[in-house]
């Protein structure tokens, strides 16, 4: 839920003698240490004022995932027959066979009584259910109750499964698509929260350009702002109709807290992730500091290896954290970029051996699942959920050499380059804000940002 950067300077396998790694992370969606048994998980509901109806909902999507989930439980490769029977008789039967809200909620209590679910995790699951229910009902979808029940049944099943057998993320995590499809699970869960009638994509033609470059073996780096835990799903949903390949193959530079939060982990498991430890939590436990630094070295090496293959697209938010509203005005804006993070990604892309391109990307979706007003050290932030419009925009790629030519020294060039990228993201963000919050819609388009709704 908080984004940060990493201070140590690490040796890297690229021509530059040293690389100072300062990656931010995506959200509290992953970490490289085992989960704590004493999670303080909470959530709260907030009502949305948006009256628009959601579009493009597949009412049968999660029902199909329920079927796949049951099959995955019954036939996961390498399991002993006794383990299959145990899993089928526990959480799988608890949630996947429910037909009513009452059965779903009583299933949570059943898991607690059976000793398979800690009380605080159970409380978090029940509150998330109520928040999710309130948000989806705001959409006005005719079959909202069916979608809510199906989505939450699968989500609770996956959460309980991970509590029983915690998943461990590797430095480079590839999205899990079988025997259970975690990617589609995340898409189907977030889709009912997006008001597509009040959502927009800026410069869709540039996403087509990016796709062609990927097909030619080039690497792409998206320098972006970061707003919510749902960012990956929102990005993928807004690109699903026009650029599904980008949506599914995006690699997110992600942070270190998801393994401590079973409410987040199943959603992270469906994304391609480069896992790093954040600077803000590097020294929370002094005994783990060295382990975290070594883990970051491994992640950096993984990033260099991945880019050498070419045809990779990486998303990174070099802000050191999620965007948050101004405490005085309440206005949202992209958090400033850290020049070191931008420069690290640029150097990795330049020394990969494949052509590299850096594009500024703007994202507006904080209404759907906003972060806490302040950065929190403890796991278990309150999760507000709403039905709302979202926006995504990309601007033409920005090269480093022309920026550096006007600077007197390398440090000045790094800062200037990060600022140019940030200014582009902010400009795009303001257009999206005018379209969504200002209710101007497509008329908010500017000479540099052409808005569209490609799902229509």
Protein backbone atom coordinates (compact mmCIF):
# COMPACT_ATOMS: atom_id res chain seq x y z
CA UNK A 1 0.00 0.00 0.00
CA UNK A 2 2.99 2.31 0.23
CA UNK A 3 5.63 2.80 -2.39
CA UNK A 4 9.26 3.42 -1.69
CA UNK A 5 12.76 3.34 -3.05
CA UNK A 6 15.88 1.41 -2.13
CA UNK A 7 19.04 3.28 -1.16
CA UNK A 8 21.95 0.80 -1.51
CA UNK A 9 24.25 0.91 -4.49
CA UNK A 10 24.59 -2.49 -6.13
CA UNK A 11 26.96 -4.00 -8.63
CA UNK A 12 25.19 -4.78 -11.87
CA UNK A 13 26.01 -6.81 -14.95
CA UNK A 14 25.77 -3.91 -17.39
CA UNK A 15 28.67 -1.88 -18.83
CA UNK A 16 28.26 0.96 -16.33
CA UNK A 17 30.56 0.29 -13.35
CA UNK A 18 27.88 0.68 -10.70
CA UNK A 19 24.13 1.09 -10.60
CA UNK A 20 22.40 2.74 -7.66
CA UNK A 21 19.15 0.83 -7.36
CA UNK A 22 16.21 2.90 -6.21
CA UNK A 23 13.13 1.06 -7.40
CA UNK A 24 9.72 2.02 -6.04
CA UNK A 25 7.09 -0.61 -5.69
CA UNK A 26 3.67 -1.15 -7.05
CA UNK A 27 1.64 -1.55 -3.87
CA UNK A 28 1.51 -3.67 -0.78
CA UNK A 29 1.24 -6.53 -3.15
CA UNK A 30 4.31 -8.53 -2.53
CA UNK A 31 7.23 -9.23 -0.36
CA UNK A 32 9.98 -11.76 0.00
CA UNK A 33 9.48 -12.71 3.63
CA UNK A 34 6.90 -15.11 5.17
CA UNK A 35 3.60 -13.61 6.28
CA UNK A 36 3.12 -12.55 9.86
CA UNK A 37 0.49 -14.53 11.79
CA UNK A 38 -0.70 -11.37 13.53
CA UNK A 39 -2.14 -9.33 10.71
CA UNK A 40 -4.31 -6.35 11.56
CA UNK A 41 -6.56 -6.33 8.52
CA UNK A 42 -9.33 -3.84 8.24
CA UNK A 43 -11.47 -2.23 5.60
CA UNK A 44 -14.27 0.31 5.35
CA UNK A 45 -16.95 1.15 2.86
CA UNK A 46 -17.45 4.44 1.06
CA UNK A 47 -20.39 5.22 -1.16
CA UNK A 48 -19.80 6.59 -4.63
CA UNK A 49 -21.86 9.41 -6.08
CA UNK A 50 -21.37 8.20 -9.62
CA UNK A 51 -24.74 7.15 -11.13
CA UNK A 52 -23.37 5.67 -14.36
CA UNK A 53 -23.89 2.05 -15.28
CA UNK A 54 -20.99 -0.25 -15.87
CA UNK A 55 -20.53 -1.87 -19.28
CA UNK A 56 -18.74 -4.89 -20.69
CA UNK A 57 -19.52 -7.20 -17.73
CA UNK A 58 -19.40 -10.93 -18.37
CA UNK A 59 -21.86 -12.34 -15.86
CA UNK A 60 -20.55 -15.85 -16.31
CA UNK A 61 -16.85 -15.03 -15.97
CA UNK A 62 -16.46 -15.74 -12.28
CA UNK A 63 -18.80 -18.72 -12.45
CA UNK A 64 -16.34 -20.22 -14.90
CA UNK A 65 -13.49 -19.42 -12.51
CA UNK A 66 -15.40 -21.13 -9.71
CA UNK A 67 -15.55 -24.25 -11.89
CA UNK A 68 -11.85 -23.94 -12.74
CA UNK A 69 -11.02 -23.38 -9.09
CA UNK A 70 -12.79 -26.58 -8.09
CA UNK A 71 -10.95 -28.47 -10.80
CA UNK A 72 -7.64 -26.93 -9.74
CA UNK A 73 -8.23 -27.99 -6.16
CA UNK A 74 -9.04 -31.52 -7.28
CA UNK A 75 -6.20 -31.98 -9.76
CA UNK A 76 -3.24 -29.77 -8.83
CA UNK A 77 -0.08 -31.43 -10.18
CA UNK A 78 2.17 -33.25 -7.74
CA UNK A 79 -0.33 -33.45 -4.88
CA UNK A 80 -0.75 -36.67 -2.96
CA UNK A 81 -4.23 -38.14 -2.92
CA UNK A 82 -4.57 -37.49 0.81
CA UNK A 83 -3.69 -33.82 0.30
CA UNK A 84 -6.27 -33.54 -2.47
CA UNK A 85 -8.97 -34.94 -0.21
CA UNK A 86 -7.95 -32.65 2.63
CA UNK A 87 -8.07 -29.53 0.45
CA UNK A 88 -11.37 -30.51 -1.18
CA UNK A 89 -12.96 -31.08 2.22
CA UNK A 90 -11.77 -27.77 3.70
CA UNK A 91 -11.79 -24.29 2.18
CA UNK A 92 -12.76 -25.44 -1.34
CA UNK A 93 -16.10 -26.80 -0.21
CA UNK A 94 -16.57 -23.93 2.23
CA UNK A 95 -16.79 -21.18 -0.38
CA UNK A 96 -17.06 -22.61 -3.88
CA UNK A 97 -20.42 -24.27 -3.30
CA UNK A 98 -22.17 -21.31 -1.68
CA UNK A 99 -25.40 -20.07 -3.20
CA UNK A 100 -26.32 -17.24 -0.82
CA UNK A 101 -24.67 -14.39 1.04
CA UNK A 102 -25.54 -16.08 4.33
CA UNK A 103 -23.68 -19.23 3.33
CA UNK A 104 -20.66 -17.18 2.28
CA UNK A 105 -20.45 -15.27 5.56
CA UNK A 106 -21.09 -18.37 7.67
CA UNK A 107 -18.29 -20.03 5.69
CA UNK A 108 -15.84 -17.49 7.11
CA UNK A 109 -16.94 -18.38 10.65
CA UNK A 110 -16.69 -22.07 9.78
CA UNK A 111 -13.04 -21.59 8.72
CA UNK A 112 -12.28 -19.81 12.01
CA UNK A 113 -13.92 -22.57 14.06
CA UNK A 114 -11.93 -25.19 12.14
CA UNK A 115 -8.70 -23.38 13.03
CA UNK A 116 -7.85 -22.68 9.40
CA UNK A 117 -8.36 -18.91 9.51
CA UNK A 118 -7.12 -16.34 12.10
CA UNK A 119 -9.82 -14.14 13.60
CA UNK A 120 -8.31 -10.89 12.34
CA UNK A 121 -8.03 -12.20 8.79
CA UNK A 122 -11.63 -13.41 8.96
CA UNK A 123 -12.78 -9.97 10.12
CA UNK A 124 -10.92 -8.38 7.22
CA UNK A 125 -12.52 -10.75 4.72
CA UNK A 126 -16.02 -10.03 5.99
CA UNK A 127 -15.49 -6.26 5.87
CA UNK A 128 -14.03 -6.43 2.37
CA UNK A 129 -17.10 -8.40 1.32
CA UNK A 130 -19.42 -5.67 2.62
CA UNK A 131 -17.36 -2.92 0.97
CA UNK A 132 -17.18 -4.75 -2.34
CA UNK A 133 -20.90 -5.46 -2.22
CA UNK A 134 -21.76 -1.79 -1.60
CA UNK A 135 -19.48 -0.65 -4.44
CA UNK A 136 -20.80 -3.10 -7.05
CA UNK A 137 -24.40 -2.35 -6.12
CA UNK A 138 -23.67 1.30 -6.92
CA UNK A 139 -23.03 0.31 -10.52
CA UNK A 140 -26.65 -0.55 -11.22
CA UNK A 141 -25.77 -3.82 -12.96
CA UNK A 142 -28.93 -5.96 -13.18
CA UNK A 143 -27.14 -9.12 -12.00
CA UNK A 144 -24.98 -7.35 -9.41
CA UNK A 145 -25.79 -9.74 -6.56
CA UNK A 146 -24.81 -12.76 -8.65
CA UNK A 147 -21.51 -11.12 -9.63
CA UNK A 148 -20.76 -10.12 -6.03
CA UNK A 149 -21.36 -13.62 -4.71
CA UNK A 150 -19.35 -15.33 -7.47
CA UNK A 151 -16.39 -12.95 -7.25
CA UNK A 152 -16.19 -12.99 -3.46
CA UNK A 153 -16.56 -16.77 -3.27
CA UNK A 154 -13.50 -17.24 -5.46
CA UNK A 155 -11.58 -14.47 -3.67
CA UNK A 156 -12.23 -15.95 -0.24
CA UNK A 157 -11.31 -19.42 -1.45
CA UNK A 158 -7.97 -18.15 -2.78
CA UNK A 159 -7.30 -16.15 0.39
CA UNK A 160 -7.95 -19.15 2.60
CA UNK A 161 -5.83 -21.39 0.40
CA UNK A 162 -2.90 -19.02 0.83
CA UNK A 163 -3.36 -18.85 4.60
CA UNK A 164 -3.17 -22.68 4.67
CA UNK A 165 -0.24 -22.89 2.26
CA UNK A 166 1.45 -19.46 1.82
CA UNK A 167 2.77 -18.73 -1.66
CA UNK A 168 6.35 -17.48 -1.89
CA UNK A 169 7.19 -14.93 -4.58
CA UNK A 170 10.48 -15.26 -6.44
CA UNK A 171 12.52 -12.16 -7.45
CA UNK A 172 10.89 -12.43 -10.89
CA UNK A 173 7.35 -13.72 -10.58
CA UNK A 174 5.48 -14.78 -13.69
CA UNK A 175 1.70 -14.57 -13.58
CA UNK A 176 0.07 -17.85 -12.55
CA UNK A 177 -2.41 -18.83 -15.26
CA UNK A 178 -2.92 -22.55 -14.51
CA UNK A 179 -4.29 -24.75 -13.07
CA UNK A 180 -6.05 -21.67 -11.68
CA UNK A 181 -6.00 -18.45 -13.72
CA UNK A 182 -5.08 -15.72 -11.22
CA UNK A 183 -4.90 -13.09 -13.97
CA UNK A 184 -8.51 -13.51 -15.07
CA UNK A 185 -9.54 -13.78 -11.43
CA UNK A 186 -8.15 -10.29 -10.79
CA UNK A 187 -9.69 -8.87 -13.95
CA UNK A 188 -13.13 -10.26 -13.17
CA UNK A 189 -12.96 -8.99 -9.60
CA UNK A 190 -12.04 -5.38 -10.45
CA UNK A 191 -14.14 -5.06 -13.64
CA UNK A 192 -17.46 -4.36 -11.82
CA UNK A 193 -15.80 -1.46 -9.99
CA UNK A 194 -14.86 0.42 -13.18
CA UNK A 195 -17.47 2.79 -14.61
CA UNK A 196 -16.55 2.37 -18.28
CA UNK A 197 -19.05 5.03 -19.34
CA UNK A 198 -16.92 7.55 -17.46
CA UNK A 199 -13.50 6.07 -18.26
CA UNK A 200 -11.01 7.12 -20.97
CA UNK A 201 -7.75 6.18 -22.65
CA UNK A 202 -5.42 8.88 -23.94
CA UNK A 203 -3.46 8.47 -27.20
CA UNK A 204 -4.49 4.91 -27.95
CA UNK A 205 -2.43 5.09 -31.18
CA UNK A 206 0.74 5.17 -29.08
CA UNK A 207 -0.17 1.87 -27.44
CA UNK A 208 -0.36 0.43 -30.96
CA UNK A 209 3.10 1.89 -31.59
CA UNK A 210 4.39 0.24 -28.43
CA UNK A 211 2.94 -3.09 -29.49
CA UNK A 212 4.74 -2.93 -32.84
CA UNK A 213 8.03 -2.12 -31.12
CA UNK A 214 7.60 -5.12 -28.83
CA UNK A 215 6.97 -7.34 -31.84
CA UNK A 216 10.26 -6.08 -33.31
CA UNK A 217 12.18 -7.19 -30.21
CA UNK A 218 12.43 -3.77 -28.55
CA UNK A 219 12.08 -3.15 -24.81
CA UNK A 220 9.58 -0.65 -23.42
CA UNK A 221 9.69 1.13 -20.06
CA UNK A 222 6.55 2.89 -18.85
CA UNK A 223 7.39 5.62 -16.31
CA UNK A 224 4.13 6.09 -14.44
CA UNK A 225 2.42 7.52 -11.41
CA UNK A 226 0.89 4.99 -9.01
CA UNK A 227 -2.42 5.28 -7.20
CA UNK A 228 -4.00 2.07 -5.91
CA UNK A 229 -3.65 -1.63 -5.28
CA UNK A 230 -5.90 -2.10 -8.29
CA UNK A 231 -3.57 -0.28 -10.74
CA UNK A 232 -2.52 -3.42 -12.69
CA UNK A 233 -6.11 -4.58 -13.18
CA UNK A 234 -7.32 -1.11 -14.17
CA UNK A 235 -4.52 -0.73 -16.74
CA UNK A 236 -5.28 -4.15 -18.18
CA UNK A 237 -9.04 -3.56 -18.28
CA UNK A 238 -8.68 -0.25 -20.13
CA UNK A 239 -6.38 -1.89 -22.72
CA UNK A 240 -8.20 -5.21 -22.96
CA UNK A 241 -10.17 -4.44 -26.15
CA UNK A 242 -7.33 -2.89 -28.15
CA UNK A 243 -4.04 -4.18 -26.73
CA UNK A 244 -4.61 -7.40 -24.79
CA UNK A 245 -1.02 -8.48 -25.40
CA UNK A 246 0.28 -5.44 -23.52
CA UNK A 247 -2.29 -5.97 -20.77
CA UNK A 248 -1.21 -9.56 -20.15
CA UNK A 249 2.55 -9.21 -20.62
CA UNK A 250 3.23 -6.08 -18.57
CA UNK A 251 5.89 -6.59 -15.90
CA UNK A 252 5.39 -4.48 -12.78
CA UNK A 253 8.23 -3.38 -10.53
CA UNK A 254 6.50 -4.17 -7.26
CA UNK A 255 7.13 -3.76 -3.58
CA UNK A 256 7.67 -5.90 -0.56
CA UNK A 257 4.51 -6.18 1.53
CA UNK A 258 2.04 -8.47 -0.18
CA UNK A 259 3.12 -11.71 1.49
CA UNK A 260 2.13 -10.21 4.80
CA UNK A 261 -1.42 -9.54 3.61
CA UNK A 262 -3.54 -12.51 2.45
CA UNK A 263 -6.19 -10.11 1.16
CA UNK A 264 -3.73 -8.84 -1.47
CA UNK A 265 -1.65 -11.86 -2.42
CA UNK A 266 -4.08 -13.70 -4.73
CA UNK A 267 -4.36 -10.60 -6.91
CA UNK A 268 -0.59 -10.17 -7.12
CA UNK A 269 -0.13 -13.79 -8.10
CA UNK A 270 -1.84 -13.04 -11.42
CA UNK A 271 0.69 -10.36 -12.46
CA UNK A 272 4.22 -10.44 -13.81
CA UNK A 273 6.34 -8.87 -11.07
CA UNK A 274 9.89 -7.83 -10.33
CA UNK A 275 9.92 -7.96 -6.54
CA UNK A 276 11.96 -5.47 -4.53
CA UNK A 277 12.12 -4.30 -0.92
CA UNK A 278 11.20 -0.69 -0.37
CA UNK A 279 13.49 1.84 1.25
CA UNK A 280 10.74 2.94 3.62
CA UNK A 281 10.61 -0.51 5.18
CA UNK A 282 14.22 -1.58 4.65
CA UNK A 283 15.14 -1.01 8.29
CA UNK A 284 11.86 -1.90 10.02
CA UNK A 285 13.53 -5.03 11.38
CA UNK A 286 17.33 -4.59 11.57
CA UNK A 287 17.83 -8.36 11.60
CA UNK A 288 16.27 -8.61 8.13
CA UNK A 289 18.06 -5.66 6.53
CA UNK A 290 20.93 -7.66 5.01
CA UNK A 291 18.56 -10.29 3.68
CA UNK A 292 16.48 -7.57 2.03
CA UNK A 293 19.53 -5.99 0.40
CA UNK A 294 20.65 -9.33 -1.00
CA UNK A 295 17.14 -9.98 -2.30
CA UNK A 296 17.21 -6.63 -4.10
CA UNK A 297 20.51 -7.57 -5.76
CA UNK A 298 18.88 -10.73 -7.07
CA UNK A 299 15.92 -8.74 -8.36
CA UNK A 300 18.19 -6.28 -10.15
CA UNK A 301 20.02 -9.14 -11.84
CA UNK A 302 16.70 -10.67 -12.88
CA UNK A 303 15.67 -7.36 -14.42
CA UNK A 304 18.89 -7.15 -16.43
CA UNK A 305 18.49 -10.74 -17.67
CA UNK A 306 14.85 -10.21 -18.64
CA UNK A 307 15.61 -7.09 -20.66
CA UNK A 308 18.42 -8.85 -22.52
CA UNK A 309 15.79 -11.14 -24.03
CA UNK A 310 14.09 -8.15 -25.68
CA UNK A 311 10.36 -7.70 -26.32
CA UNK A 312 9.76 -6.81 -22.66
CA UNK A 313 7.46 -4.11 -21.32
CA UNK A 314 8.07 -2.88 -17.77
CA UNK A 315 5.95 -0.57 -15.62
CA UNK A 316 7.60 1.38 -12.82
CA UNK A 317 6.41 4.19 -10.57
CA UNK A 318 9.54 6.20 -9.61
CA UNK A 319 7.68 8.32 -7.07
CA UNK A 320 8.66 6.38 -3.97
CA UNK A 321 5.00 5.89 -3.11
CA UNK A 322 1.40 6.01 -4.19
CA UNK A 323 -0.14 9.36 -5.04
CA UNK A 324 -1.96 10.95 -2.13
CA UNK A 325 -4.19 14.03 -1.86
CA UNK A 326 -2.85 17.35 -0.70
CA UNK A 327 -3.65 17.49 3.05
CA UNK A 328 -4.86 21.08 2.76
CA UNK A 329 -6.79 21.12 -0.51
CA UNK A 330 -7.70 17.46 -0.88
CA UNK A 331 -6.59 17.62 -4.51
CA UNK A 332 -4.87 14.60 -6.07
CA UNK A 333 -1.81 14.88 -8.29
CA UNK A 334 1.08 12.58 -9.30
CA UNK A 335 3.76 12.29 -6.61
CA UNK A 336 7.16 13.67 -7.76
CA UNK A 337 9.57 11.20 -9.37
CA UNK A 338 12.90 10.19 -7.88
CA UNK A 339 15.61 10.90 -10.44
CA UNK A 340 17.70 7.91 -9.31
CA UNK A 341 14.85 5.47 -9.99
CA UNK A 342 14.28 6.88 -13.46
CA UNK A 343 17.99 6.80 -14.25
CA UNK A 344 18.35 3.18 -13.11
CA UNK A 345 15.63 2.03 -15.47
CA UNK A 346 17.05 4.10 -18.31
CA UNK A 347 20.51 2.59 -17.88
CA UNK A 348 19.17 -0.94 -17.64
CA UNK A 349 17.18 -0.42 -20.85
CA UNK A 350 20.10 1.18 -22.67
CA UNK A 351 22.51 -1.64 -21.78
CA UNK A 352 20.12 -4.52 -22.44
CA UNK A 353 21.43 -5.13 -25.95
CA UNK A 354 17.97 -4.50 -27.45
CA UNK A 355 16.56 -1.12 -28.53
CA UNK A 356 14.80 0.55 -25.62
CA UNK A 357 12.06 3.17 -25.41
CA UNK A 358 10.82 5.13 -22.39
CA UNK A 359 7.25 6.44 -22.37
CA UNK A 360 5.52 8.60 -19.73
CA UNK A 361 2.24 7.05 -18.56
CA UNK A 362 -0.52 8.68 -16.52
CA UNK A 363 -3.06 6.77 -14.45
CA UNK A 364 -6.15 8.07 -12.65
CA UNK A 365 -8.10 5.51 -10.64
CA UNK A 366 -7.75 6.52 -6.97
CA UNK A 367 -11.52 6.68 -6.45
CA UNK A 368 -11.86 2.92 -6.94
CA UNK A 369 -9.53 1.92 -4.10
CA UNK A 370 -7.72 4.92 -2.57
CA UNK A 371 -4.74 4.49 -0.23
CA UNK A 372 -4.75 5.80 3.35
CA UNK A 373 -4.10 9.55 3.64
CA UNK A 374 -0.67 8.86 5.17
CA UNK A 375 1.96 6.15 4.71
CA UNK A 376 1.40 3.40 7.29
CA UNK A 377 4.15 1.22 8.71
CA UNK A 378 1.87 -1.58 9.85
CA UNK A 379 0.18 -4.05 7.52
CA UNK A 380 -3.61 -3.83 7.40
CA UNK A 381 -4.65 -0.50 5.93
CA UNK A 382 -8.33 0.32 5.70
CA UNK A 383 -9.62 -0.50 2.23
CA UNK A 384 -12.16 1.86 0.74
CA UNK A 385 -13.86 0.54 -2.39
CA UNK A 386 -16.04 2.44 -4.88
CA UNK A 387 -17.54 2.20 -8.35
CA UNK A 388 -15.99 4.99 -10.44
CA UNK A 389 -14.52 6.03 -13.76
CA UNK A 390 -10.80 5.61 -14.44
CA UNK A 391 -8.30 6.94 -16.95
CA UNK A 392 -5.06 5.90 -18.63
CA UNK A 393 -2.90 7.95 -21.00
CA UNK A 394 0.46 7.59 -22.72
CA UNK A 395 2.59 10.32 -24.33
CA UNK A 396 5.31 10.02 -27.00
CA UNK A 397 8.57 8.47 -25.86
CA UNK A 398 11.15 10.84 -24.39
CA UNK A 399 14.84 10.30 -25.15
CA UNK A 400 17.60 11.06 -22.69
CA UNK A 401 20.30 12.34 -25.05
CA UNK A 402 18.52 15.51 -26.14
CA UNK A 403 17.75 16.39 -22.51
CA UNK A 404 21.32 15.67 -21.39
CA UNK A 405 22.80 17.79 -24.20
CA UNK A 406 21.41 20.91 -22.58
CA UNK A 407 22.79 20.07 -19.11
CA UNK A 408 26.20 20.84 -17.64
CA UNK A 409 26.81 17.54 -15.82
CA UNK A 410 25.36 14.00 -15.45
CA UNK A 411 23.57 14.73 -12.16
CA UNK A 412 21.80 17.71 -13.65
CA UNK A 413 20.85 15.59 -16.66
CA UNK A 414 19.33 12.87 -14.45
CA UNK A 415 17.18 15.38 -12.61
CA UNK A 416 16.16 17.19 -15.79
CA UNK A 417 15.15 13.93 -17.49
CA UNK A 418 13.05 12.80 -14.53
CA UNK A 419 11.37 16.22 -14.42
CA UNK A 420 10.49 16.14 -18.12
CA UNK A 421 8.90 12.72 -17.69
CA UNK A 422 7.04 13.89 -14.59
CA UNK A 423 5.76 17.01 -16.33
CA UNK A 424 4.38 14.86 -19.15
CA UNK A 425 2.63 12.53 -16.71
CA UNK A 426 1.15 15.50 -14.86
CA UNK A 427 -0.08 17.11 -18.08
CA UNK A 428 -1.81 13.88 -19.11
CA UNK A 429 -3.20 13.38 -15.62
CA UNK A 430 -4.83 16.81 -15.68
CA UNK A 431 -6.58 15.96 -18.94
CA UNK A 432 -7.90 12.72 -17.46
CA UNK A 433 -8.98 14.59 -14.35
CA UNK A 434 -10.89 17.11 -16.43
CA UNK A 435 -12.61 14.32 -18.37
CA UNK A 436 -13.57 12.21 -15.34
CA UNK A 437 -13.91 14.52 -12.34
CA UNK A 438 -14.69 17.61 -14.39
CA UNK A 439 -17.35 15.64 -16.31
CA UNK A 440 -16.07 17.00 -19.65
CA UNK A 441 -15.66 13.56 -21.16
CA UNK A 442 -14.08 13.36 -24.60
CA UNK A 443 -14.22 17.15 -24.85
CA UNK A 444 -11.36 17.31 -22.34
CA UNK A 445 -8.97 16.15 -25.09
CA UNK A 446 -6.04 18.48 -25.69
CA UNK A 447 -3.56 18.97 -28.57
CA UNK A 448 -1.27 16.43 -26.87
CA UNK A 449 -3.82 14.01 -25.36
CA UNK A 450 -6.53 12.52 -27.56
CA UNK A 451 -9.11 10.74 -25.42
CA UNK A 452 -11.19 7.77 -26.55
CA UNK A 453 -13.32 4.94 -25.19
CA UNK A 454 -12.08 1.98 -27.26
CA UNK A 455 -14.47 -0.48 -25.59
CA UNK A 456 -17.46 1.27 -27.19
